[in-house]
Structures are given as structure tokens and as C-alpha cells.
All heavy atoms as atom14 arrays in JSON, in Angstrom:
{
  "sequence": "YRQAPGNQRELVANFASGGSTNYADSVKGRFTISRDNAKNTV",
  "atom14_mask": [
    [1, 1, 1, 1, 1, 1, 1, 1, 1, 1, 1, 1, 0, 0],
    [1, 1, 1, 1, 1, 1, 1, 1, 1, 1, 1, 0, 0, 0],
    [1, 1, 1, 1, 1, 1, 1, 1, 1, 0, 0, 0, 0, 0],
    [1, 1, 1, 1, 1, 0, 0, 0, 0, 0, 0, 0, 0, 0],
    [1, 1, 1, 1, 1, 1, 1, 0, 0, 0, 0, 0, 0, 0],
    [1, 1, 1, 1, 0, 0, 0, 0, 0, 0, 0, 0, 0, 0],
    [1, 1, 1, 1, 1, 1, 1, 1, 0, 0, 0, 0, 0, 0],
    [1, 1, 1, 1, 1, 1, 1, 1, 1, 0, 0, 0, 0, 0],
    [1, 1, 1, 1, 1, 1, 1, 1, 1, 1, 1, 0, 0, 0],
    [1, 1, 1, 1, 1, 1, 1, 1, 1, 0, 0, 0, 0, 0],
    [1, 1, 1, 1, 1, 1, 1, 1, 0, 0, 0, 0, 0, 0],
    [1, 1, 1, 1, 1, 1, 1, 0, 0, 0, 0, 0, 0, 0],
    [1, 1, 1, 1, 1, 0, 0, 0, 0, 0, 0, 0, 0, 0],
    [1, 1, 1, 1, 1, 1, 1, 1, 0, 0, 0, 0, 0, 0],
    [1, 1, 1, 1, 1, 1, 1, 1, 1, 1, 1, 0, 0, 0],
    [1, 1, 1, 1, 1, 0, 0, 0, 0, 0, 0, 0, 0, 0],
    [1, 1, 1, 1, 1, 1, 0, 0, 0, 0, 0, 0, 0, 0],
    [1, 1, 1, 1, 0, 0, 0, 0, 0, 0, 0, 0, 0, 0],
    [1, 1, 1, 1, 0, 0, 0, 0, 0, 0, 0, 0, 0, 0],
    [1, 1, 1, 1, 1, 1, 0, 0, 0, 0, 0, 0, 0, 0],
    [1, 1, 1, 1, 1, 1, 1, 0, 0, 0, 0, 0, 0, 0],
    [1, 1, 1, 1, 1, 1, 1, 1, 0, 0, 0, 0, 0, 0],
    [1, 1, 1, 1, 1, 1, 1, 1, 1, 1, 1, 1, 0, 0],
    [1, 1, 1, 1, 1, 0, 0, 0, 0, 0, 0, 0, 0, 0],
    [1, 1, 1, 1, 1, 1, 1, 1, 0, 0, 0, 0, 0, 0],
    [1, 1, 1, 1, 1, 1, 0, 0, 0, 0, 0, 0, 0, 0],
    [1, 1, 1, 1, 1, 1, 1, 0, 0, 0, 0, 0, 0, 0],
    [1, 1, 1, 1, 1, 1, 1, 1, 1, 0, 0, 0, 0, 0],
    [1, 1, 1, 1, 0, 0, 0, 0, 0, 0, 0, 0, 0, 0],
    [1, 1, 1, 1, 1, 1, 1, 1, 1, 1, 1, 0, 0, 0],
    [1, 1, 1, 1, 1, 1, 1, 1, 1, 1, 1, 0, 0, 0],
    [1, 1, 1, 1, 1, 1, 1, 0, 0, 0, 0, 0, 0, 0],
    [1, 1, 1, 1, 1, 1, 1, 1, 0, 0, 0, 0, 0, 0],
    [1, 1, 1, 1, 1, 1, 0, 0, 0, 0, 0, 0, 0, 0],
    [1, 1, 1, 1, 1, 1, 1, 1, 1, 1, 1, 0, 0, 0],
    [1, 1, 1, 1, 1, 1, 1, 1, 0, 0, 0, 0, 0, 0],
    [1, 1, 1, 1, 1, 1, 1, 1, 0, 0, 0, 0, 0, 0],
    [1, 1, 1, 1, 1, 0, 0, 0, 0, 0, 0, 0, 0, 0],
    [1, 1, 1, 1, 1, 1, 1, 1, 1, 0, 0, 0, 0, 0],
    [1, 1, 1, 1, 1, 1, 1, 1, 0, 0, 0, 0, 0, 0],
    [1, 1, 1, 1, 1, 1, 1, 0, 0, 0, 0, 0, 0, 0],
    [1, 1, 1, 1, 1, 1, 1, 0, 0, 0, 0, 0, 0, 0]
  ],
  "atom14_positions": [
    [[-40.06, -27.78, 45.94], [-41.22, -27.03, 46.47], [-42.36, -27.19, 45.49], [-42.19, -27.56, 44.34], [-40.87, -25.55, 46.67], [-39.9, -25.28, 47.76], [-38.55, -25.65, 47.69], [-40.3, -24.63, 48.93], [-37.68, -25.42, 48.7], [-39.41, -24.35, 49.96], [-38.1, -24.74, 49.83], [-37.23, -24.48, 50.86], [0.0, 0.0, 0.0], [0.0, 0.0, 0.0]],
    [[-43.54, -26.85, 45.94], [-44.69, -26.86, 45.09], [-45.64, -25.74, 45.43], [-45.66, -25.27, 46.57], [-45.42, -28.22, 45.11], [-46.12, -28.51, 46.44], [-46.71, -29.92, 46.39], [-47.41, -30.25, 47.64], [-47.87, -31.44, 47.93], [-47.69, -32.45, 47.09], [-48.51, -31.62, 49.09], [0.0, 0.0, 0.0], [0.0, 0.0, 0.0], [0.0, 0.0, 0.0]],
    [[-46.4, -25.33, 44.46], [-47.41, -24.3, 44.65], [-48.65, -24.72, 43.92], [-48.69, -24.83, 42.69], [-46.92, -22.96, 44.14], [-47.83, -21.82, 44.47], [-47.18, -20.47, 44.3], [-46.2, -20.32, 43.59], [-47.72, -19.45, 44.95], [0.0, 0.0, 0.0], [0.0, 0.0, 0.0], [0.0, 0.0, 0.0], [0.0, 0.0, 0.0], [0.0, 0.0, 0.0]],
    [[-49.71, -24.94, 44.7], [-51.01, -25.31, 44.14], [-51.88, -24.07, 44.05], [-51.66, -23.08, 44.73], [-51.67, -26.38, 45.02], [0.0, 0.0, 0.0], [0.0, 0.0, 0.0], [0.0, 0.0, 0.0], [0.0, 0.0, 0.0], [0.0, 0.0, 0.0], [0.0, 0.0, 0.0], [0.0, 0.0, 0.0], [0.0, 0.0, 0.0], [0.0, 0.0, 0.0]],
    [[-52.91, -24.14, 43.23], [-53.8, -22.97, 43.13], [-54.41, -22.61, 44.46], [-54.92, -23.44, 45.22], [-54.91, -23.48, 42.19], [-54.24, -24.52, 41.36], [-53.26, -25.2, 42.28], [0.0, 0.0, 0.0], [0.0, 0.0, 0.0], [0.0, 0.0, 0.0], [0.0, 0.0, 0.0], [0.0, 0.0, 0.0], [0.0, 0.0, 0.0], [0.0, 0.0, 0.0]],
    [[-54.28, -21.31, 44.82], [-54.81, -20.82, 46.08], [-53.94, -21.1, 47.27], [-54.34, -20.76, 48.39], [0.0, 0.0, 0.0], [0.0, 0.0, 0.0], [0.0, 0.0, 0.0], [0.0, 0.0, 0.0], [0.0, 0.0, 0.0], [0.0, 0.0, 0.0], [0.0, 0.0, 0.0], [0.0, 0.0, 0.0], [0.0, 0.0, 0.0], [0.0, 0.0, 0.0]],
    [[-52.76, -21.69, 47.05], [-51.87, -22.01, 48.14], [-50.56, -21.26, 48.04], [-50.16, -20.78, 46.98], [-51.58, -23.53, 48.2], [-52.76, -24.33, 48.64], [-53.84, -24.24, 48.08], [-52.55, -25.15, 49.64], [0.0, 0.0, 0.0], [0.0, 0.0, 0.0], [0.0, 0.0, 0.0], [0.0, 0.0, 0.0], [0.0, 0.0, 0.0], [0.0, 0.0, 0.0]],
    [[-49.86, -21.19, 49.16], [-48.52, -20.66, 49.18], [-47.56, -21.73, 48.67], [-47.85, -22.93, 48.73], [-48.12, -20.26, 50.62], [-48.96, -19.14, 51.21], [-48.73, -17.82, 50.54], [-47.57, -17.42, 50.33], [-49.79, -17.13, 50.17], [0.0, 0.0, 0.0], [0.0, 0.0, 0.0], [0.0, 0.0, 0.0], [0.0, 0.0, 0.0], [0.0, 0.0, 0.0]],
    [[-46.41, -21.29, 48.22], [-45.4, -22.23, 47.83], [-44.87, -22.92, 49.09], [-44.53, -22.25, 50.1], [-44.25, -21.55, 47.06], [-43.25, -22.51, 46.47], [-42.25, -21.77, 45.56], [-42.92, -21.16, 44.43], [-42.29, -20.57, 43.41], [-40.96, -20.53, 43.41], [-42.95, -20.0, 42.42], [0.0, 0.0, 0.0], [0.0, 0.0, 0.0], [0.0, 0.0, 0.0]],
    [[-44.8, -24.24, 49.07], [-44.41, -24.98, 50.25], [-43.3, -25.98, 49.93], [-43.15, -26.47, 48.84], [-45.6, -25.73, 50.82], [-46.18, -26.78, 49.86], [-47.33, -27.58, 50.46], [-47.64, -27.38, 51.65], [-47.9, -28.39, 49.73], [0.0, 0.0, 0.0], [0.0, 0.0, 0.0], [0.0, 0.0, 0.0], [0.0, 0.0, 0.0], [0.0, 0.0, 0.0]],
    [[-42.52, -26.26, 50.98], [-41.49, -27.26, 50.88], [-42.11, -28.65, 50.73], [-43.02, -29.01, 51.43], [-40.6, -27.24, 52.14], [-39.54, -28.35, 52.22], [-38.46, -28.17, 51.18], [-38.96, -28.41, 53.62], [0.0, 0.0, 0.0], [0.0, 0.0, 0.0], [0.0, 0.0, 0.0], [0.0, 0.0, 0.0], [0.0, 0.0, 0.0], [0.0, 0.0, 0.0]],
    [[-41.58, -29.41, 49.78], [-41.96, -30.79, 49.6], [-40.89, -31.71, 50.18], [-41.18, -32.6, 51.0], [-42.2, -31.14, 48.12], [-42.57, -32.62, 47.95], [-43.31, -30.25, 47.54], [0.0, 0.0, 0.0], [0.0, 0.0, 0.0], [0.0, 0.0, 0.0], [0.0, 0.0, 0.0], [0.0, 0.0, 0.0], [0.0, 0.0, 0.0], [0.0, 0.0, 0.0]],
    [[-39.68, -31.54, 49.75], [-38.56, -32.34, 50.23], [-37.27, -31.63, 49.92], [-37.19, -30.88, 48.94], [-38.54, -33.74, 49.57], [0.0, 0.0, 0.0], [0.0, 0.0, 0.0], [0.0, 0.0, 0.0], [0.0, 0.0, 0.0], [0.0, 0.0, 0.0], [0.0, 0.0, 0.0], [0.0, 0.0, 0.0], [0.0, 0.0, 0.0], [0.0, 0.0, 0.0]],
    [[-36.27, -31.82, 50.75], [-34.98, -31.19, 50.48], [-33.8, -31.96, 51.08], [-34.0, -32.73, 52.0], [-34.96, -29.72, 50.96], [-34.78, -29.6, 52.45], [-35.46, -30.28, 53.24], [-33.89, -28.72, 52.87], [0.0, 0.0, 0.0], [0.0, 0.0, 0.0], [0.0, 0.0, 0.0], [0.0, 0.0, 0.0], [0.0, 0.0, 0.0], [0.0, 0.0, 0.0]],
    [[-32.66, -31.7, 50.51], [-31.4, -32.11, 51.09], [-30.78, -30.96, 51.82], [-30.69, -29.85, 51.29], [-30.43, -32.57, 49.99], [-30.68, -33.94, 49.44], [-31.17, -34.09, 48.15], [-30.4, -35.06, 50.18], [-31.4, -35.34, 47.64], [-30.59, -36.32, 49.68], [-31.09, -36.47, 48.4], [0.0, 0.0, 0.0], [0.0, 0.0, 0.0], [0.0, 0.0, 0.0]],
    [[-30.3, -31.19, 53.03], [-29.49, -30.21, 53.73], [-28.05, -30.39, 53.33], [-27.72, -31.27, 52.56], [-29.69, -30.38, 55.24], [0.0, 0.0, 0.0], [0.0, 0.0, 0.0], [0.0, 0.0, 0.0], [0.0, 0.0, 0.0], [0.0, 0.0, 0.0], [0.0, 0.0, 0.0], [0.0, 0.0, 0.0], [0.0, 0.0, 0.0], [0.0, 0.0, 0.0]],
    [[-27.19, -29.53, 53.89], [-25.79, -29.54, 53.48], [-25.12, -30.88, 53.7], [-24.31, -31.32, 52.87], [-25.02, -28.42, 54.24], [-25.5, -27.18, 53.92], [0.0, 0.0, 0.0], [0.0, 0.0, 0.0], [0.0, 0.0, 0.0], [0.0, 0.0, 0.0], [0.0, 0.0, 0.0], [0.0, 0.0, 0.0], [0.0, 0.0, 0.0], [0.0, 0.0, 0.0]],
    [[-25.44, -31.53, 54.8], [-24.83, -32.8, 55.11], [-25.45, -33.98, 54.41], [-25.01, -35.12, 54.64], [0.0, 0.0, 0.0], [0.0, 0.0, 0.0], [0.0, 0.0, 0.0], [0.0, 0.0, 0.0], [0.0, 0.0, 0.0], [0.0, 0.0, 0.0], [0.0, 0.0, 0.0], [0.0, 0.0, 0.0], [0.0, 0.0, 0.0], [0.0, 0.0, 0.0]],
    [[-26.49, -33.74, 53.63], [-27.12, -34.85, 52.92], [-28.38, -35.38, 53.59], [-29.03, -36.27, 53.02], [0.0, 0.0, 0.0], [0.0, 0.0, 0.0], [0.0, 0.0, 0.0], [0.0, 0.0, 0.0], [0.0, 0.0, 0.0], [0.0, 0.0, 0.0], [0.0, 0.0, 0.0], [0.0, 0.0, 0.0], [0.0, 0.0, 0.0], [0.0, 0.0, 0.0]],
    [[-28.67, -34.9, 54.74], [-29.9, -35.33, 55.42], [-31.11, -34.83, 54.66], [-31.04, -33.83, 53.94], [-29.96, -34.84, 56.87], [-29.91, -33.45, 56.91], [0.0, 0.0, 0.0], [0.0, 0.0, 0.0], [0.0, 0.0, 0.0], [0.0, 0.0, 0.0], [0.0, 0.0, 0.0], [0.0, 0.0, 0.0], [0.0, 0.0, 0.0], [0.0, 0.0, 0.0]],
    [[-32.24, -35.5, 54.8], [-33.43, -35.16, 54.05], [-34.55, -34.71, 54.99], [-34.62, -35.1, 56.11], [-33.92, -36.31, 53.22], [-34.15, -37.45, 54.08], [-32.85, -36.71, 52.17], [0.0, 0.0, 0.0], [0.0, 0.0, 0.0], [0.0, 0.0, 0.0], [0.0, 0.0, 0.0], [0.0, 0.0, 0.0], [0.0, 0.0, 0.0], [0.0, 0.0, 0.0]],
    [[-35.43, -33.89, 54.42], [-36.63, -33.45, 55.11], [-37.79, -33.57, 54.15], [-37.65, -33.33, 52.97], [-36.49, -32.02, 55.57], [-35.43, -31.8, 56.6], [-35.56, -32.27, 57.73], [-34.33, -31.14, 56.23], [0.0, 0.0, 0.0], [0.0, 0.0, 0.0], [0.0, 0.0, 0.0], [0.0, 0.0, 0.0], [0.0, 0.0, 0.0], [0.0, 0.0, 0.0]],
    [[-38.94, -33.95, 54.69], [-40.15, -34.08, 53.9], [-41.3, -33.4, 54.57], [-41.42, -33.36, 55.8], [-40.52, -35.57, 53.73], [-39.54, -36.36, 52.9], [-38.52, -37.06, 53.52], [-39.69, -36.46, 51.54], [-37.62, -37.79, 52.78], [-38.8, -37.19, 50.77], [-37.77, -37.86, 51.4], [-36.87, -38.6, 50.67], [0.0, 0.0, 0.0], [0.0, 0.0, 0.0]],
    [[-42.19, -32.84, 53.76], [-43.45, -32.33, 54.29], [-44.26, -33.53, 54.81], [-44.22, -34.6, 54.25], [-44.2, -31.62, 53.2], [0.0, 0.0, 0.0], [0.0, 0.0, 0.0], [0.0, 0.0, 0.0], [0.0, 0.0, 0.0], [0.0, 0.0, 0.0], [0.0, 0.0, 0.0], [0.0, 0.0, 0.0], [0.0, 0.0, 0.0], [0.0, 0.0, 0.0]],
    [[-44.98, -33.29, 55.91], [-45.78, -34.37, 56.45], [-46.77, -34.95, 55.44], [-47.08, -36.14, 55.46], [-46.54, -33.87, 57.66], [-45.65, -33.64, 58.88], [-44.53, -34.19, 58.91], [-46.06, -32.91, 59.81], [0.0, 0.0, 0.0], [0.0, 0.0, 0.0], [0.0, 0.0, 0.0], [0.0, 0.0, 0.0], [0.0, 0.0, 0.0], [0.0, 0.0, 0.0]],
    [[-47.25, -34.12, 54.57], [-48.26, -34.52, 53.6], [-47.72, -35.51, 52.55], [-48.5, -36.19, 51.9], [-48.87, -33.32, 52.92], [-47.9, -32.57, 52.22], [0.0, 0.0, 0.0], [0.0, 0.0, 0.0], [0.0, 0.0, 0.0], [0.0, 0.0, 0.0], [0.0, 0.0, 0.0], [0.0, 0.0, 0.0], [0.0, 0.0, 0.0], [0.0, 0.0, 0.0]],
    [[-46.4, -35.56, 52.38], [-45.81, -36.43, 51.35], [-44.98, -37.54, 51.95], [-44.51, -38.42, 51.21], [-45.03, -35.65, 50.3], [-45.86, -34.5, 49.75], [-43.73, -35.14, 50.89], [0.0, 0.0, 0.0], [0.0, 0.0, 0.0], [0.0, 0.0, 0.0], [0.0, 0.0, 0.0], [0.0, 0.0, 0.0], [0.0, 0.0, 0.0], [0.0, 0.0, 0.0]],
    [[-44.7, -37.47, 53.21], [-43.84, -38.46, 53.87], [-44.38, -39.88, 53.66], [-45.6, -40.12, 53.86], [-43.7, -38.13, 55.34], [-42.54, -38.83, 56.05], [-42.35, -38.28, 57.46], [-41.99, -36.79, 57.45], [-41.79, -36.25, 58.79], [0.0, 0.0, 0.0], [0.0, 0.0, 0.0], [0.0, 0.0, 0.0], [0.0, 0.0, 0.0], [0.0, 0.0, 0.0]],
    [[-43.53, -40.75, 53.24], [-43.94, -42.12, 52.98], [-44.37, -42.36, 51.58], [-44.51, -43.51, 51.12], [0.0, 0.0, 0.0], [0.0, 0.0, 0.0], [0.0, 0.0, 0.0], [0.0, 0.0, 0.0], [0.0, 0.0, 0.0], [0.0, 0.0, 0.0], [0.0, 0.0, 0.0], [0.0, 0.0, 0.0], [0.0, 0.0, 0.0], [0.0, 0.0, 0.0]],
    [[-44.59, -41.3, 50.79], [-45.0, -41.42, 49.42], [-43.98, -40.89, 48.43], [-43.85, -41.41, 47.33], [-46.34, -40.68, 49.16], [-47.5, -41.2, 50.01], [-48.8, -40.57, 49.59], [-48.78, -39.13, 49.84], [-48.99, -38.2, 48.9], [-49.17, -38.55, 47.62], [-48.97, -36.9, 49.21], [0.0, 0.0, 0.0], [0.0, 0.0, 0.0], [0.0, 0.0, 0.0]],
    [[-43.27, -39.83, 48.86], [-42.28, -39.2, 47.98], [-40.87, -39.51, 48.48], [-40.68, -39.64, 49.72], [-42.46, -37.69, 47.94], [-43.71, -37.19, 47.28], [-44.73, -38.05, 46.87], [-43.86, -35.82, 47.05], [-45.86, -37.61, 46.27], [-45.0, -35.35, 46.42], [-46.01, -36.25, 46.04], [0.0, 0.0, 0.0], [0.0, 0.0, 0.0], [0.0, 0.0, 0.0]],
    [[-39.94, -39.57, 47.58], [-38.54, -39.77, 47.92], [-37.65, -38.86, 47.1], [-37.74, -38.86, 45.88], [-38.12, -41.26, 47.66], [-38.96, -42.14, 48.4], [-36.68, -41.46, 48.13], [0.0, 0.0, 0.0], [0.0, 0.0, 0.0], [0.0, 0.0, 0.0], [0.0, 0.0, 0.0], [0.0, 0.0, 0.0], [0.0, 0.0, 0.0], [0.0, 0.0, 0.0]],
    [[-36.81, -38.12, 47.79], [-35.85, -37.27, 47.11], [-34.53, -38.04, 47.02], [-34.11, -38.7, 47.95], [-35.69, -35.91, 47.81], [-34.81, -34.96, 46.98], [-35.11, -36.1, 49.23], [-34.79, -33.54, 47.51], [0.0, 0.0, 0.0], [0.0, 0.0, 0.0], [0.0, 0.0, 0.0], [0.0, 0.0, 0.0], [0.0, 0.0, 0.0], [0.0, 0.0, 0.0]],
    [[-33.85, -37.91, 45.89], [-32.6, -38.55, 45.67], [-31.74, -37.69, 44.74], [-32.22, -36.72, 44.17], [-32.74, -39.98, 45.11], [-33.39, -39.93, 43.84], [0.0, 0.0, 0.0], [0.0, 0.0, 0.0], [0.0, 0.0, 0.0], [0.0, 0.0, 0.0], [0.0, 0.0, 0.0], [0.0, 0.0, 0.0], [0.0, 0.0, 0.0], [0.0, 0.0, 0.0]],
    [[-30.5, -38.07, 44.58], [-29.6, -37.27, 43.71], [-28.56, -38.19, 43.06], [-28.19, -39.24, 43.59], [-28.94, -36.17, 44.48], [-28.06, -36.65, 45.63], [-27.55, -35.48, 46.45], [-26.79, -35.88, 47.58], [-26.41, -35.09, 48.58], [-26.74, -33.8, 48.54], [-25.73, -35.55, 49.58], [0.0, 0.0, 0.0], [0.0, 0.0, 0.0], [0.0, 0.0, 0.0]],
    [[-28.12, -37.72, 41.9], [-27.04, -38.36, 41.17], [-25.99, -37.25, 40.99], [-26.14, -36.4, 40.09], [-27.53, -38.9, 39.84], [-26.47, -39.67, 39.11], [-25.27, -39.48, 39.35], [-26.85, -40.53, 38.29], [0.0, 0.0, 0.0], [0.0, 0.0, 0.0], [0.0, 0.0, 0.0], [0.0, 0.0, 0.0], [0.0, 0.0, 0.0], [0.0, 0.0, 0.0]],
    [[-24.97, -37.29, 41.81], [-23.96, -36.24, 41.75], [-23.22, -36.22, 40.39], [-22.84, -35.16, 39.95], [-22.97, -36.39, 42.88], [-23.57, -36.08, 44.24], [-24.5, -35.27, 44.35], [-23.03, -36.7, 45.29], [0.0, 0.0, 0.0], [0.0, 0.0, 0.0], [0.0, 0.0, 0.0], [0.0, 0.0, 0.0], [0.0, 0.0, 0.0], [0.0, 0.0, 0.0]],
    [[-23.03, -37.37, 39.84], [-22.32, -37.43, 38.54], [-23.08, -36.71, 37.44], [-22.51, -36.21, 36.49], [-22.06, -38.89, 38.15], [0.0, 0.0, 0.0], [0.0, 0.0, 0.0], [0.0, 0.0, 0.0], [0.0, 0.0, 0.0], [0.0, 0.0, 0.0], [0.0, 0.0, 0.0], [0.0, 0.0, 0.0], [0.0, 0.0, 0.0], [0.0, 0.0, 0.0]],
    [[-24.41, -36.69, 37.57], [-25.27, -36.05, 36.58], [-25.73, -34.68, 37.02], [-26.49, -34.04, 36.29], [-26.46, -36.92, 36.24], [-26.1, -38.26, 35.6], [-27.37, -39.04, 35.28], [-27.01, -40.37, 34.62], [-28.22, -41.17, 34.33], [0.0, 0.0, 0.0], [0.0, 0.0, 0.0], [0.0, 0.0, 0.0], [0.0, 0.0, 0.0], [0.0, 0.0, 0.0]],
    [[-25.31, -34.24, 38.21], [-25.76, -32.97, 38.77], [-27.26, -32.87, 38.73], [-27.83, -31.81, 38.42], [-25.13, -31.79, 38.01], [-23.59, -31.86, 37.96], [-23.0, -31.75, 36.9], [-22.98, -32.02, 39.14], [0.0, 0.0, 0.0], [0.0, 0.0, 0.0], [0.0, 0.0, 0.0], [0.0, 0.0, 0.0], [0.0, 0.0, 0.0], [0.0, 0.0, 0.0]],
    [[-27.9, -33.91, 39.16], [-29.35, -34.01, 39.05], [-29.97, -34.47, 40.38], [-29.44, -35.38, 40.99], [-29.76, -34.93, 37.94], [-29.26, -34.46, 36.69], [-31.29, -35.05, 37.81], [0.0, 0.0, 0.0], [0.0, 0.0, 0.0], [0.0, 0.0, 0.0], [0.0, 0.0, 0.0], [0.0, 0.0, 0.0], [0.0, 0.0, 0.0], [0.0, 0.0, 0.0]],
    [[-31.07, -33.83, 40.77], [-31.86, -34.23, 41.91], [-33.19, -34.73, 41.41], [-33.78, -34.17, 40.47], [-32.04, -33.05, 42.89], [-32.98, -33.46, 44.02], [-30.7, -32.62, 43.46], [0.0, 0.0, 0.0], [0.0, 0.0, 0.0], [0.0, 0.0, 0.0], [0.0, 0.0, 0.0], [0.0, 0.0, 0.0], [0.0, 0.0, 0.0], [0.0, 0.0, 0.0]]
  ]
}
């Protein structure tokens, strides 16, 4: 998520339980969410 000055906190990208991804329209095509389970890192 992100919060810019004067803005509400908004979703940027996320993984759902099954591993599917969602992106805010404003970042789609520019941002990519990924994970490394071995490192417990997103």
C-alpha cells in the first residue's frame, strides 16, 4: 500500500491466498509484485 501527502492509504499490489495478484490501475504495467518464499520476502 502507499500513502501520499493529502491522500488516503491505497492498495498498490497484493497477493491473494491462492497467489493471484491485483494491481491498482495507476500502477498496472509498471509495477510487479513478487515473492521469495524461501526468504519470507515480498
